[in-house]
Each structure stands twice: as structure tokens, then as C-alpha cells.
Amino acid sequence: MQLAGHELYDLHELTLSCVNSITNMGNFMIHAQDPELKSMIERHFPFHVRDYNMKVEYLKNAQGPTKQLPIPDLNPVLQSFTQSPVTGQTVTPRTNTQTFNDQEIATAYLLTLKRAGREYAWAAMEMSHPDLRAFLEDGFRMSSHHAYDVWQWMVQQGYYPLEPASQTSQNTIGGIYQEVPEQNPAATAPVM
């Protein structure tokens, strides 16, 4: 398979992003103090290495890898999906630091995963080759599932606020939209 020009440059940017993620994760594994956070990063690390190696294979050989990117399961651990189990912690940027604390490690990792996920999704929409598109879609799902793990840990620690929407807001916004019948929807569309 020959890569299209835009595919080559998108893969280059995504591969450079992997270099950043892997390098940071290596640092995070050394400095994380919370055993659960450290274990989570260690569990995620091989997925990111595999992802990086697969991109290198695409870049060097212009053909798909011989292996598939594994997609981790989505593992919900929170008891509530609308309320934090602990009170939120305050955040103040530190301007002179040698190492990150666990909150800073988790925040940096979460934001890296979110950015990578957006980039995977955007690049996948531009791919002309179906195998490359599917690979980047898998990269998005990997990033999304890992981000969910980190986010849940942050919620449990009080580092990421989670609260329910007010019923009034939900009723107001929900009341704006009306369902469209799925049988022959064009026949019931309002005329403007």
C-alpha cells in the first residue's frame, strides 16, 4: 500500500505524539506515589508502545502492521456517574517544581490522552485506505478507554469534579427536541 501525502504527514504527527506519550509515561511510572495510579500507567504502557511500533511500521513500509492494536475493555468503577465520592481538591499551578505530584501526573496523562484521542478521530476521518482508517479508529478507542480509567481515578481522589445536572436544566434542554418517527421519517418532517 502506498500512503497518500496527507496520510504520511498525519501519521508523522501521530507518531510524534506517541513519542511524547511514551516518554511522559516512563517518567510518570517512576514518580507516581499512589500504587493504583502507578499500576494503571504500567498497565496502559504496553498498549502505547504497540501503537507507536505499528505507526513506525506504517511509516517505514507503507503497509499495515502484521498485528492488531488491542483495545482495552472499558471498566467502570465509580458507584455514581453523576456525583464525586469525595469533596473536590483545590488546584494551584506550581511554577517552580522538579517533579510532579500524583494529581499533576494524572492531569498531564489525562490531557495527553484526550488530545491524542481527538487527533486520532480527526486523522481517521481523512484516511483514504480502509486499513489505516480502522487502525486510527482503534487508536481513538484505546485513548478513550485509557482516559476513562484516569478520569475515574481522578474523580475518586477528588481531583476532577463530577456533579449531576439540575433537573430544571435537563427538562429545559430535553424539552427543546422532539423525536422523529423512525418509520418513514421524511413523511413527518415539519415544513419550514
N, C-alpha and C. Protein backbone atom coordinates (compact mmCIF):
# COMPACT_ATOMS: atom_id res chain seq x y z
N MET A 1 0.85 -1.17 0.00
CA MET A 1 0.00 0.00 0.00
C MET A 1 0.90 1.23 0.00
N GLN A 2 0.57 2.16 -0.82
CA GLN A 2 1.28 3.43 -0.82
C GLN A 2 0.44 4.44 -0.04
N LEU A 3 1.11 5.21 0.81
CA LEU A 3 0.41 6.23 1.58
C LEU A 3 0.17 7.46 0.73
N ALA A 4 -0.98 8.08 0.93
CA ALA A 4 -1.22 9.39 0.33
C ALA A 4 -0.41 10.41 1.13
N GLY A 5 -0.11 11.55 0.50
CA GLY A 5 0.71 12.56 1.17
C GLY A 5 0.16 12.99 2.51
N HIS A 6 -1.14 13.25 2.56
CA HIS A 6 -1.73 13.71 3.84
C HIS A 6 -1.71 12.60 4.88
N GLU A 7 -1.81 11.33 4.45
CA GLU A 7 -1.74 10.21 5.38
C GLU A 7 -0.35 10.13 6.02
N LEU A 8 0.69 10.33 5.20
CA LEU A 8 2.05 10.30 5.70
C LEU A 8 2.25 11.37 6.77
N TYR A 9 1.79 12.58 6.50
CA TYR A 9 2.01 13.67 7.46
C TYR A 9 1.15 13.52 8.71
N ASP A 10 -0.07 13.00 8.56
CA ASP A 10 -0.89 12.73 9.75
C ASP A 10 -0.24 11.64 10.61
N LEU A 11 0.26 10.59 9.97
CA LEU A 11 0.94 9.52 10.72
C LEU A 11 2.20 10.05 11.41
N HIS A 12 2.92 10.92 10.73
CA HIS A 12 4.11 11.53 11.34
C HIS A 12 3.72 12.27 12.62
N GLU A 13 2.69 13.10 12.57
CA GLU A 13 2.26 13.86 13.75
C GLU A 13 1.77 12.93 14.86
N LEU A 14 1.02 11.90 14.50
CA LEU A 14 0.53 10.95 15.50
C LEU A 14 1.67 10.14 16.11
N THR A 15 2.68 9.83 15.32
CA THR A 15 3.83 9.09 15.83
C THR A 15 4.64 9.97 16.79
N LEU A 16 4.81 11.21 16.44
CA LEU A 16 5.50 12.15 17.33
C LEU A 16 4.72 12.30 18.64
N SER A 17 3.41 12.29 18.55
CA SER A 17 2.57 12.33 19.75
C SER A 17 2.82 11.10 20.62
N CYS A 18 2.99 9.94 19.98
CA CYS A 18 3.30 8.71 20.73
C CYS A 18 4.64 8.82 21.44
N VAL A 19 5.63 9.42 20.78
CA VAL A 19 6.93 9.62 21.41
C VAL A 19 6.73 10.42 22.70
N ASN A 20 5.95 11.48 22.61
CA ASN A 20 5.66 12.31 23.78
C ASN A 20 4.95 11.51 24.87
N SER A 21 3.92 10.77 24.50
CA SER A 21 3.15 9.99 25.48
C SER A 21 4.02 8.95 26.18
N ILE A 22 4.78 8.20 25.41
CA ILE A 22 5.61 7.13 25.97
C ILE A 22 6.69 7.71 26.88
N THR A 23 7.31 8.79 26.44
CA THR A 23 8.34 9.43 27.26
C THR A 23 7.76 9.91 28.59
N ASN A 24 6.61 10.58 28.51
CA ASN A 24 5.97 11.06 29.74
C ASN A 24 5.53 9.91 30.63
N MET A 25 4.97 8.86 30.03
CA MET A 25 4.54 7.72 30.83
C MET A 25 5.72 7.08 31.55
N GLY A 26 6.86 7.00 30.88
CA GLY A 26 8.05 6.46 31.52
C GLY A 26 8.42 7.26 32.76
N ASN A 27 8.32 8.57 32.65
CA ASN A 27 8.59 9.44 33.79
C ASN A 27 7.53 9.28 34.87
N PHE A 28 6.27 9.20 34.45
CA PHE A 28 5.17 9.08 35.42
C PHE A 28 5.28 7.79 36.22
N MET A 29 5.68 6.69 35.56
CA MET A 29 5.77 5.41 36.28
C MET A 29 6.84 5.48 37.38
N ILE A 30 7.88 6.25 37.16
CA ILE A 30 8.94 6.39 38.16
C ILE A 30 8.47 7.24 39.34
N HIS A 31 7.70 8.29 39.06
CA HIS A 31 7.38 9.29 40.08
C HIS A 31 6.01 9.15 40.74
N ALA A 32 5.11 8.38 40.16
CA ALA A 32 3.77 8.23 40.77
C ALA A 32 3.91 7.60 42.16
N GLN A 33 3.24 8.19 43.14
CA GLN A 33 3.30 7.69 44.50
C GLN A 33 2.13 6.76 44.82
N ASP A 34 0.96 7.06 44.28
CA ASP A 34 -0.22 6.24 44.53
C ASP A 34 -0.07 4.92 43.77
N PRO A 35 -0.15 3.78 44.49
CA PRO A 35 0.05 2.48 43.81
C PRO A 35 -0.97 2.21 42.72
N GLU A 36 -2.20 2.67 42.91
CA GLU A 36 -3.23 2.44 41.89
C GLU A 36 -2.93 3.24 40.62
N LEU A 37 -2.52 4.50 40.78
CA LEU A 37 -2.17 5.33 39.63
C LEU A 37 -0.97 4.73 38.90
N LYS A 38 0.05 4.35 39.65
CA LYS A 38 1.26 3.77 39.06
C LYS A 38 0.92 2.48 38.30
N SER A 39 0.11 1.63 38.91
CA SER A 39 -0.29 0.37 38.28
C SER A 39 -1.08 0.61 37.00
N MET A 40 -1.95 1.61 37.02
CA MET A 40 -2.75 1.93 35.84
C MET A 40 -1.84 2.36 34.69
N ILE A 41 -0.89 3.23 34.97
CA ILE A 41 0.02 3.69 33.92
C ILE A 41 0.86 2.52 33.41
N GLU A 42 1.33 1.67 34.31
CA GLU A 42 2.10 0.49 33.90
C GLU A 42 1.26 -0.45 33.03
N ARG A 43 -0.02 -0.57 33.34
CA ARG A 43 -0.92 -1.43 32.56
C ARG A 43 -1.17 -0.84 31.17
N HIS A 44 -1.26 0.48 31.08
CA HIS A 44 -1.52 1.15 29.81
C HIS A 44 -0.28 1.19 28.91
N PHE A 45 0.89 1.25 29.52
CA PHE A 45 2.15 1.48 28.80
C PHE A 45 2.36 0.57 27.59
N PRO A 46 2.20 -0.76 27.72
CA PRO A 46 2.45 -1.62 26.56
C PRO A 46 1.51 -1.34 25.38
N PHE A 47 0.30 -0.86 25.65
CA PHE A 47 -0.62 -0.51 24.56
C PHE A 47 -0.05 0.64 23.74
N HIS A 48 0.53 1.62 24.43
CA HIS A 48 1.08 2.79 23.74
C HIS A 48 2.35 2.44 22.98
N VAL A 49 3.15 1.54 23.53
CA VAL A 49 4.35 1.07 22.82
C VAL A 49 3.93 0.33 21.55
N ARG A 50 2.94 -0.55 21.66
CA ARG A 50 2.45 -1.29 20.48
C ARG A 50 1.92 -0.31 19.43
N ASP A 51 1.15 0.67 19.87
CA ASP A 51 0.59 1.68 18.96
C ASP A 51 1.71 2.41 18.23
N TYR A 52 2.72 2.84 18.97
CA TYR A 52 3.87 3.53 18.38
C TYR A 52 4.55 2.63 17.34
N ASN A 53 4.85 1.39 17.71
CA ASN A 53 5.55 0.47 16.80
C ASN A 53 4.73 0.22 15.53
N MET A 54 3.43 0.16 15.66
CA MET A 54 2.58 -0.06 14.49
C MET A 54 2.64 1.15 13.56
N LYS A 55 2.68 2.34 14.14
CA LYS A 55 2.80 3.55 13.31
C LYS A 55 4.14 3.57 12.59
N VAL A 56 5.21 3.20 13.31
CA VAL A 56 6.54 3.15 12.69
C VAL A 56 6.52 2.16 11.52
N GLU A 57 5.84 1.04 11.70
CA GLU A 57 5.75 0.06 10.62
C GLU A 57 5.03 0.65 9.40
N TYR A 58 3.94 1.38 9.64
CA TYR A 58 3.25 2.06 8.53
C TYR A 58 4.17 3.05 7.84
N LEU A 59 4.90 3.84 8.63
CA LEU A 59 5.77 4.87 8.05
C LEU A 59 6.93 4.27 7.26
N LYS A 60 7.51 3.19 7.76
CA LYS A 60 8.67 2.60 7.10
C LYS A 60 8.29 1.74 5.90
N ASN A 61 7.21 1.00 6.01
CA ASN A 61 6.86 0.03 4.98
C ASN A 61 5.67 0.44 4.13
N ALA A 62 4.98 1.51 4.54
CA ALA A 62 3.77 1.95 3.85
C ALA A 62 2.77 0.80 3.71
N GLN A 63 2.79 -0.09 4.69
CA GLN A 63 1.78 -1.14 4.70
C GLN A 63 1.37 -1.41 6.14
N GLY A 64 0.23 -1.98 6.28
CA GLY A 64 -0.30 -2.23 7.60
C GLY A 64 0.52 -3.22 8.39
N PRO A 65 0.48 -3.08 9.69
CA PRO A 65 1.22 -4.00 10.54
C PRO A 65 0.63 -5.40 10.49
N THR A 66 1.44 -6.34 10.93
CA THR A 66 1.01 -7.74 10.93
C THR A 66 0.19 -8.07 12.17
N LYS A 67 0.17 -7.17 13.13
CA LYS A 67 -0.61 -7.40 14.35
C LYS A 67 -1.65 -6.28 14.48
N GLN A 68 -2.61 -6.50 15.35
CA GLN A 68 -3.68 -5.53 15.54
C GLN A 68 -3.49 -4.82 16.88
N LEU A 69 -3.90 -3.57 16.94
CA LEU A 69 -3.84 -2.82 18.17
C LEU A 69 -4.93 -3.34 19.11
N PRO A 70 -4.55 -3.84 20.27
CA PRO A 70 -5.57 -4.34 21.21
C PRO A 70 -6.33 -3.16 21.82
N ILE A 71 -7.61 -3.34 22.00
CA ILE A 71 -8.45 -2.32 22.61
C ILE A 71 -8.79 -2.79 24.02
N PRO A 72 -8.36 -2.02 25.03
CA PRO A 72 -8.68 -2.42 26.41
C PRO A 72 -10.17 -2.29 26.67
N ASP A 73 -10.66 -3.10 27.59
CA ASP A 73 -12.06 -3.01 27.99
C ASP A 73 -12.31 -1.69 28.71
N LEU A 74 -13.53 -1.22 28.62
CA LEU A 74 -13.96 -0.06 29.39
C LEU A 74 -14.41 -0.58 30.75
N ASN A 75 -13.75 -0.16 31.81
CA ASN A 75 -14.01 -0.70 33.14
C ASN A 75 -14.57 0.37 34.08
N PRO A 76 -15.90 0.51 34.14
CA PRO A 76 -16.46 1.46 35.08
C PRO A 76 -16.26 0.99 36.52
N VAL A 77 -15.74 1.87 37.37
CA VAL A 77 -15.54 1.53 38.78
C VAL A 77 -16.27 2.48 39.72
N LEU A 78 -16.74 3.60 39.20
CA LEU A 78 -17.45 4.56 40.05
C LEU A 78 -18.83 4.01 40.42
N GLN A 79 -19.27 4.31 41.64
CA GLN A 79 -20.60 3.90 42.09
C GLN A 79 -21.68 4.79 41.50
N SER A 80 -21.35 6.05 41.22
CA SER A 80 -22.29 7.01 40.64
C SER A 80 -21.60 7.66 39.44
N PHE A 81 -22.36 7.87 38.37
CA PHE A 81 -21.81 8.53 37.20
C PHE A 81 -22.16 10.01 37.18
N THR A 82 -22.71 10.52 38.30
CA THR A 82 -23.06 11.94 38.36
C THR A 82 -22.57 12.64 39.62
N GLN A 83 -21.97 11.91 40.54
CA GLN A 83 -21.52 12.53 41.78
C GLN A 83 -20.18 11.99 42.22
N SER A 84 -19.30 12.93 42.64
CA SER A 84 -17.99 12.54 43.15
C SER A 84 -18.14 11.88 44.51
N PRO A 85 -17.36 10.83 44.77
CA PRO A 85 -17.43 10.18 46.07
C PRO A 85 -16.73 10.98 47.18
N VAL A 86 -15.90 11.96 46.79
CA VAL A 86 -15.21 12.80 47.78
C VAL A 86 -15.30 14.26 47.35
N THR A 87 -15.07 15.14 48.28
CA THR A 87 -15.09 16.57 48.00
C THR A 87 -13.89 16.93 47.12
N GLY A 88 -14.10 17.86 46.23
CA GLY A 88 -13.05 18.27 45.32
C GLY A 88 -11.87 18.92 46.01
N GLN A 89 -10.70 18.71 45.43
CA GLN A 89 -9.46 19.29 45.92
C GLN A 89 -9.20 20.61 45.19
N THR A 90 -8.51 21.52 45.84
CA THR A 90 -8.15 22.77 45.17
C THR A 90 -6.94 22.53 44.27
N VAL A 91 -6.79 23.39 43.29
CA VAL A 91 -5.68 23.28 42.35
C VAL A 91 -5.01 24.65 42.23
N THR A 92 -3.73 24.66 42.36
CA THR A 92 -2.94 25.87 42.13
C THR A 92 -1.72 25.47 41.33
N PRO A 93 -1.49 26.13 40.19
CA PRO A 93 -0.30 25.79 39.41
C PRO A 93 0.97 26.05 40.22
N ARG A 94 1.89 25.11 40.12
CA ARG A 94 3.20 25.31 40.76
C ARG A 94 4.15 25.82 39.68
N THR A 95 4.87 26.85 39.99
CA THR A 95 5.72 27.49 38.98
C THR A 95 7.19 27.13 39.10
N ASN A 96 7.57 26.40 40.14
CA ASN A 96 8.97 26.02 40.32
C ASN A 96 9.00 24.63 40.95
N THR A 97 9.05 23.62 40.09
CA THR A 97 8.99 22.26 40.59
C THR A 97 9.97 21.36 39.84
N GLN A 98 10.48 20.38 40.53
CA GLN A 98 11.38 19.40 39.92
C GLN A 98 10.64 18.13 39.51
N THR A 99 9.57 17.80 40.23
CA THR A 99 8.80 16.60 39.92
C THR A 99 7.31 16.92 40.04
N PHE A 100 6.51 16.09 39.42
CA PHE A 100 5.05 16.23 39.51
C PHE A 100 4.53 15.42 40.68
N ASN A 101 3.46 15.90 41.31
CA ASN A 101 2.75 15.07 42.29
C ASN A 101 1.73 14.23 41.53
N ASP A 102 1.03 13.35 42.24
CA ASP A 102 0.10 12.43 41.57
C ASP A 102 -1.03 13.16 40.85
N GLN A 103 -1.52 14.23 41.42
CA GLN A 103 -2.57 15.00 40.75
C GLN A 103 -2.06 15.57 39.44
N GLU A 104 -0.85 16.08 39.44
CA GLU A 104 -0.26 16.66 38.23
C GLU A 104 0.05 15.57 37.20
N ILE A 105 0.50 14.42 37.67
CA ILE A 105 0.76 13.30 36.76
C ILE A 105 -0.54 12.87 36.09
N ALA A 106 -1.57 12.67 36.88
CA ALA A 106 -2.86 12.23 36.32
C ALA A 106 -3.43 13.27 35.37
N THR A 107 -3.33 14.54 35.73
CA THR A 107 -3.84 15.60 34.86
C THR A 107 -3.09 15.63 33.54
N ALA A 108 -1.76 15.56 33.60
CA ALA A 108 -0.96 15.57 32.38
C ALA A 108 -1.28 14.36 31.50
N TYR A 109 -1.42 13.20 32.12
CA TYR A 109 -1.71 11.99 31.37
C TYR A 109 -3.11 12.06 30.76
N LEU A 110 -4.10 12.50 31.54
CA LEU A 110 -5.46 12.62 31.02
C LEU A 110 -5.52 13.58 29.84
N LEU A 111 -4.91 14.74 29.98
CA LEU A 111 -4.95 15.73 28.89
C LEU A 111 -4.21 15.22 27.65
N THR A 112 -3.14 14.45 27.85
CA THR A 112 -2.43 13.85 26.72
C THR A 112 -3.34 12.86 26.00
N LEU A 113 -4.04 12.03 26.76
CA LEU A 113 -4.95 11.05 26.16
C LEU A 113 -6.10 11.71 25.43
N LYS A 114 -6.66 12.77 26.01
CA LYS A 114 -7.76 13.47 25.36
C LYS A 114 -7.31 14.10 24.04
N ARG A 115 -6.15 14.74 24.07
CA ARG A 115 -5.64 15.35 22.85
C ARG A 115 -5.35 14.28 21.80
N ALA A 116 -4.72 13.19 22.22
CA ALA A 116 -4.42 12.11 21.28
C ALA A 116 -5.71 11.54 20.68
N GLY A 117 -6.72 11.37 21.52
CA GLY A 117 -8.00 10.85 21.02
C GLY A 117 -8.60 11.75 19.96
N ARG A 118 -8.58 13.05 20.21
CA ARG A 118 -9.11 13.99 19.20
C ARG A 118 -8.31 13.89 17.90
N GLU A 119 -6.99 13.80 18.02
CA GLU A 119 -6.15 13.73 16.83
C GLU A 119 -6.38 12.43 16.05
N TYR A 120 -6.54 11.31 16.77
CA TYR A 120 -6.85 10.04 16.11
C TYR A 120 -8.17 10.15 15.34
N ALA A 121 -9.19 10.69 16.00
CA ALA A 121 -10.51 10.79 15.37
C ALA A 121 -10.44 11.67 14.13
N TRP A 122 -9.78 12.80 14.26
CA TRP A 122 -9.68 13.74 13.14
C TRP A 122 -8.91 13.10 11.98
N ALA A 123 -7.77 12.49 12.28
CA ALA A 123 -6.96 11.87 11.23
C ALA A 123 -7.70 10.70 10.58
N ALA A 124 -8.41 9.91 11.38
CA ALA A 124 -9.13 8.76 10.82
C ALA A 124 -10.14 9.22 9.77
N MET A 125 -10.77 10.36 10.00
CA MET A 125 -11.77 10.86 9.05
C MET A 125 -11.14 11.25 7.71
N GLU A 126 -9.82 11.45 7.70
CA GLU A 126 -9.13 11.89 6.49
C GLU A 126 -8.44 10.75 5.74
N MET A 127 -8.41 9.55 6.31
CA MET A 127 -7.68 8.45 5.70
C MET A 127 -8.43 7.87 4.51
N SER A 128 -7.70 7.62 3.44
CA SER A 128 -8.31 7.03 2.26
C SER A 128 -8.25 5.51 2.29
N HIS A 129 -7.21 4.95 2.92
CA HIS A 129 -7.08 3.49 2.96
C HIS A 129 -7.88 2.94 4.15
N PRO A 130 -8.78 1.99 3.92
CA PRO A 130 -9.65 1.49 5.00
C PRO A 130 -8.89 0.86 6.17
N ASP A 131 -7.76 0.18 5.89
CA ASP A 131 -7.00 -0.43 6.99
C ASP A 131 -6.38 0.63 7.89
N LEU A 132 -5.86 1.68 7.28
CA LEU A 132 -5.26 2.76 8.06
C LEU A 132 -6.34 3.50 8.84
N ARG A 133 -7.48 3.70 8.24
CA ARG A 133 -8.61 4.34 8.93
C ARG A 133 -9.02 3.51 10.14
N ALA A 134 -9.14 2.20 9.97
CA ALA A 134 -9.54 1.31 11.08
C ALA A 134 -8.49 1.32 12.18
N PHE A 135 -7.20 1.34 11.82
CA PHE A 135 -6.12 1.40 12.81
C PHE A 135 -6.24 2.67 13.66
N LEU A 136 -6.48 3.80 13.03
CA LEU A 136 -6.59 5.05 13.77
C LEU A 136 -7.88 5.09 14.60
N GLU A 137 -8.94 4.48 14.12
CA GLU A 137 -10.16 4.36 14.94
C GLU A 137 -9.88 3.54 16.19
N ASP A 138 -9.09 2.47 16.04
CA ASP A 138 -8.69 1.69 17.22
C ASP A 138 -7.84 2.51 18.17
N GLY A 139 -6.96 3.36 17.62
CA GLY A 139 -6.15 4.25 18.45
C GLY A 139 -7.01 5.21 19.24
N PHE A 140 -8.07 5.71 18.60
CA PHE A 140 -9.01 6.58 19.31
C PHE A 140 -9.67 5.83 20.48
N ARG A 141 -10.14 4.62 20.21
CA ARG A 141 -10.81 3.84 21.26
C ARG A 141 -9.85 3.51 22.40
N MET A 142 -8.59 3.19 22.08
CA MET A 142 -7.60 2.93 23.12
C MET A 142 -7.43 4.18 23.98
N SER A 143 -7.25 5.33 23.35
CA SER A 143 -7.08 6.58 24.10
C SER A 143 -8.31 6.89 24.94
N SER A 144 -9.47 6.68 24.37
CA SER A 144 -10.72 6.96 25.08
C SER A 144 -10.86 6.07 26.32
N HIS A 145 -10.57 4.80 26.17
CA HIS A 145 -10.70 3.87 27.30
C HIS A 145 -9.66 4.15 28.38
N HIS A 146 -8.44 4.48 27.97
CA HIS A 146 -7.41 4.83 28.95
C HIS A 146 -7.77 6.14 29.66
N ALA A 147 -8.28 7.10 28.91
CA ALA A 147 -8.69 8.37 29.52
C ALA A 147 -9.80 8.14 30.54
N TYR A 148 -10.69 7.22 30.25
CA TYR A 148 -11.77 6.91 31.19
C TYR A 148 -11.21 6.34 32.49
N ASP A 149 -10.21 5.48 32.39
CA ASP A 149 -9.55 4.94 33.59
C ASP A 149 -8.95 6.06 34.44
N VAL A 150 -8.20 6.95 33.78
CA VAL A 150 -7.54 8.04 34.50
C VAL A 150 -8.58 8.97 35.11
N TRP A 151 -9.60 9.32 34.33
CA TRP A 151 -10.65 10.23 34.81
C TRP A 151 -11.34 9.65 36.05
N GLN A 152 -11.67 8.36 36.01
CA GLN A 152 -12.31 7.74 37.18
C GLN A 152 -11.41 7.81 38.41
N TRP A 153 -10.11 7.55 38.23
CA TRP A 153 -9.18 7.64 39.36
C TRP A 153 -9.17 9.07 39.91
N MET A 154 -9.16 10.04 39.00
CA MET A 154 -9.15 11.45 39.44
C MET A 154 -10.43 11.81 40.18
N VAL A 155 -11.57 11.32 39.72
CA VAL A 155 -12.85 11.57 40.41
C VAL A 155 -12.79 10.98 41.81
N GLN A 156 -12.30 9.75 41.92
CA GLN A 156 -12.21 9.08 43.23
C GLN A 156 -11.31 9.83 44.20
N GLN A 157 -10.30 10.53 43.68
CA GLN A 157 -9.38 11.27 44.54
C GLN A 157 -9.87 12.68 44.84
N GLY A 158 -10.94 13.11 44.18
CA GLY A 158 -11.43 14.47 44.34
C GLY A 158 -10.69 15.47 43.46
N TYR A 159 -9.98 14.98 42.45
CA TYR A 159 -9.21 15.85 41.55
C TYR A 159 -10.01 16.29 40.33
N TYR A 160 -11.16 15.70 40.10
CA TYR A 160 -11.97 16.03 38.93
C TYR A 160 -13.41 16.09 39.40
N PRO A 161 -14.04 17.27 39.33
CA PRO A 161 -15.41 17.39 39.85
C PRO A 161 -16.42 16.63 38.98
N LEU A 162 -17.39 16.08 39.65
CA LEU A 162 -18.48 15.36 38.98
C LEU A 162 -19.74 15.67 39.75
N GLU A 163 -20.71 16.27 39.10
CA GLU A 163 -21.96 16.59 39.77
C GLU A 163 -23.11 16.45 38.80
N PRO A 164 -24.31 16.15 39.32
CA PRO A 164 -25.45 15.97 38.43
C PRO A 164 -25.92 17.29 37.84
N ALA A 165 -26.45 17.24 36.64
CA ALA A 165 -27.12 18.41 36.06
C ALA A 165 -28.41 18.63 36.83
N SER A 166 -28.81 19.87 36.94
CA SER A 166 -30.07 20.15 37.64
C SER A 166 -31.24 19.61 36.82
N GLN A 167 -32.27 19.17 37.51
CA GLN A 167 -33.45 18.64 36.81
C GLN A 167 -34.10 19.73 35.97
N THR A 168 -34.06 20.97 36.44
CA THR A 168 -34.63 22.08 35.68
C THR A 168 -33.91 22.24 34.34
N SER A 169 -32.57 22.23 34.38
CA SER A 169 -31.80 22.35 33.13
C SER A 169 -32.06 21.17 32.21
N GLN A 170 -32.10 19.98 32.77
CA GLN A 170 -32.34 18.80 31.95
C GLN A 170 -33.72 18.87 31.30
N ASN A 171 -34.73 19.30 32.06
CA ASN A 171 -36.09 19.44 31.50
C ASN A 171 -36.12 20.51 30.41
N THR A 172 -35.46 21.63 30.64
CA THR A 172 -35.45 22.72 29.66
C THR A 172 -34.79 22.29 28.36
N ILE A 173 -33.59 21.75 28.48
CA ILE A 173 -32.87 21.35 27.27
C ILE A 173 -33.53 20.14 26.62
N GLY A 174 -33.94 19.17 27.40
CA GLY A 174 -34.62 18.00 26.84
C GLY A 174 -35.92 18.35 26.15
N GLY A 175 -36.61 19.41 26.63
CA GLY A 175 -37.88 19.82 26.04
C GLY A 175 -37.74 20.51 24.69
N ILE A 176 -36.55 20.90 24.34
CA ILE A 176 -36.32 21.58 23.05
C ILE A 176 -36.51 20.61 21.89
N TYR A 177 -36.14 19.37 22.09
CA TYR A 177 -36.07 18.41 20.99
C TYR A 177 -37.27 17.47 21.01
N GLN A 178 -37.79 17.20 19.82
CA GLN A 178 -38.88 16.25 19.66
C GLN A 178 -38.39 15.07 18.82
N GLU A 179 -38.83 13.88 19.17
CA GLU A 179 -38.39 12.69 18.46
C GLU A 179 -38.99 12.63 17.06
N VAL A 180 -38.26 11.99 16.17
CA VAL A 180 -38.71 11.76 14.79
C VAL A 180 -39.06 10.30 14.68
N PRO A 181 -40.24 9.97 14.16
CA PRO A 181 -40.59 8.55 13.99
C PRO A 181 -39.58 7.88 13.05
N GLU A 182 -39.16 6.70 13.40
CA GLU A 182 -38.15 6.02 12.60
C GLU A 182 -38.74 5.32 11.38
N GLN A 183 -40.03 5.10 11.37
CA GLN A 183 -40.69 4.55 10.19
C GLN A 183 -41.12 5.72 9.30
N ASN A 184 -40.51 5.83 8.12
CA ASN A 184 -40.84 6.87 7.15
C ASN A 184 -40.66 8.27 7.76
N PRO A 185 -39.47 8.62 8.23
CA PRO A 185 -39.27 9.90 8.91
C PRO A 185 -39.48 11.12 8.01
N ALA A 186 -39.25 10.99 6.72
CA ALA A 186 -39.41 12.13 5.82
C ALA A 186 -40.87 12.56 5.71
N ALA A 187 -41.79 11.63 5.88
CA ALA A 187 -43.21 11.96 5.74
C ALA A 187 -43.71 12.84 6.87
N THR A 188 -43.01 12.84 8.02
CA THR A 188 -43.47 13.60 9.18
C THR A 188 -42.61 14.83 9.45
N ALA A 189 -41.65 15.14 8.57
CA ALA A 189 -40.77 16.27 8.80
C ALA A 189 -41.56 17.59 8.67
N PRO A 190 -41.36 18.51 9.63
CA PRO A 190 -42.06 19.79 9.52
C PRO A 190 -41.55 20.61 8.35
N VAL A 191 -42.43 21.37 7.74
CA VAL A 191 -42.07 22.24 6.63
C VAL A 191 -41.73 23.62 7.21
N MET A 192 -40.59 24.14 6.85
CA MET A 192 -40.17 25.45 7.37
C MET A 192 -40.42 26.54 6.38
